[in-house]
Amino acid sequence: MGRLGPTEIILILVVIILLFGAKKLPDMARSLGKSARILKSEAKAMKEDKSSAPADPPATDEQPPAQRTIQAAPGDVTSSRPVTEPTDTTKR
């Protein structure tokens, strides 16, 4: 009961094409792929930040956080933007 057969999949694709139009589907797929690349690069940056963070940060040295540039895809300079890292507001 929970499985989709080839007939149902074709019917769903036809309805999607009728709703959105064949011209908009490639643009939608492109933007979805770009969003996935951004999400992947952000997740990778977060993992790298966690692994490179010191175990005991010095409490007396207060420096403003450095800015990073986030790119949608490697080598894509048209959509890169500087990002200010959030500061840690919790005190121990």
Protein backbone atom coordinates (compact mmCIF):
# COMPACT_ATOMS: atom_id res chain seq x y z
CA MET A 1 0.00 0.00 0.00
CA GLY A 2 2.88 2.40 0.70
CA ARG A 3 4.80 1.83 -2.54
CA LEU A 4 4.64 4.03 -5.60
CA GLY A 5 4.57 2.29 -8.93
CA PRO A 6 5.85 3.67 -12.23
CA THR A 7 2.36 4.87 -13.19
CA GLU A 8 2.02 6.94 -10.01
CA ILE A 9 5.49 8.45 -10.40
CA ILE A 10 4.78 9.46 -14.01
CA LEU A 11 1.46 10.98 -12.95
CA ILE A 12 3.18 12.98 -10.19
CA LEU A 13 5.83 14.25 -12.63
CA VAL A 14 3.14 15.32 -15.13
CA VAL A 15 1.28 17.23 -12.41
CA ILE A 16 4.51 18.96 -11.32
CA ILE A 17 5.29 19.99 -14.90
CA LEU A 18 1.75 21.31 -15.35
CA LEU A 19 1.87 23.27 -12.09
CA PHE A 20 5.30 24.85 -12.44
CA GLY A 21 5.86 24.82 -16.16
CA ALA A 22 8.72 23.20 -18.02
CA LYS A 23 10.70 26.46 -18.20
CA LYS A 24 10.89 26.98 -14.43
CA LEU A 25 11.90 23.43 -13.51
CA PRO A 26 15.59 23.75 -14.52
CA ASP A 27 15.87 27.02 -12.57
CA MET A 28 14.27 25.40 -9.54
CA ALA A 29 16.63 22.42 -9.76
CA ARG A 30 19.62 24.75 -10.13
CA SER A 31 18.66 26.80 -7.07
CA LEU A 32 18.04 23.61 -5.09
CA GLY A 33 21.51 22.37 -6.00
CA LYS A 34 23.06 25.70 -5.07
CA SER A 35 21.29 25.61 -1.71
CA ALA A 36 22.57 22.09 -1.11
CA ARG A 37 26.14 23.20 -1.87
CA ILE A 38 25.82 26.12 0.56
CA LEU A 39 24.47 23.82 3.27
CA LYS A 40 27.29 21.35 2.67
CA SER A 41 29.98 24.05 2.84
CA GLU A 42 28.48 25.50 6.02
CA ALA A 43 28.38 22.08 7.68
CA LYS A 44 32.00 21.46 6.66
CA ALA A 45 33.04 24.87 8.04
CA MET A 46 31.31 24.15 11.34
CA LYS A 47 33.09 20.79 11.64
CA GLU A 48 36.44 22.43 10.88
CA ASP A 49 35.77 25.16 13.46
CA LYS A 50 34.99 22.55 16.12
CA SER A 51 38.07 20.47 15.36
CA SER A 52 40.45 23.45 15.24
CA ALA A 53 39.08 25.18 18.36
CA PRO A 54 41.43 25.01 21.37
CA ALA A 55 40.26 22.94 24.32
CA ASP A 56 40.79 25.76 26.85
CA PRO A 57 40.50 29.23 25.27
CA PRO A 58 42.28 32.02 27.18
CA ALA A 59 39.75 33.97 29.24
CA THR A 60 41.79 37.20 29.50
CA ASP A 61 42.54 37.69 25.81
CA GLU A 62 39.48 39.45 24.32
CA GLN A 63 39.85 39.93 20.57
CA PRO A 64 37.14 40.73 18.05
CA PRO A 65 36.18 37.69 15.95
CA ALA A 66 37.70 37.48 12.48
CA GLN A 67 35.48 37.55 9.41
CA ARG A 68 35.20 34.58 7.06
CA THR A 69 34.01 34.57 3.50
CA ILE A 70 31.40 31.95 2.68
CA GLN A 71 31.08 30.82 -0.92
CA ALA A 72 28.17 28.97 -2.47
CA ALA A 73 30.50 26.69 -4.40
CA PRO A 74 34.25 26.35 -4.67
CA GLY A 75 35.52 29.10 -6.93
CA ASP A 76 32.16 30.92 -7.00
CA VAL A 77 33.03 34.53 -6.22
CA THR A 78 29.75 36.05 -7.38
CA SER A 79 27.76 34.92 -4.36
CA SER A 80 30.44 35.11 -1.66
CA ARG A 81 29.81 37.34 1.29
CA PRO A 82 31.70 38.20 4.49
CA VAL A 83 30.19 36.69 7.60
CA THR A 84 30.80 37.80 11.17
CA GLU A 85 31.16 34.85 13.52
CA PRO A 86 28.75 34.83 16.47
CA THR A 87 30.34 35.66 19.80
CA ASP A 88 30.13 33.38 22.79
CA THR A 89 27.84 35.09 25.29
CA THR A 90 28.03 32.33 27.90
CA LYS A 91 30.47 32.91 30.75
CA ARG A 92 31.97 30.13 32.85
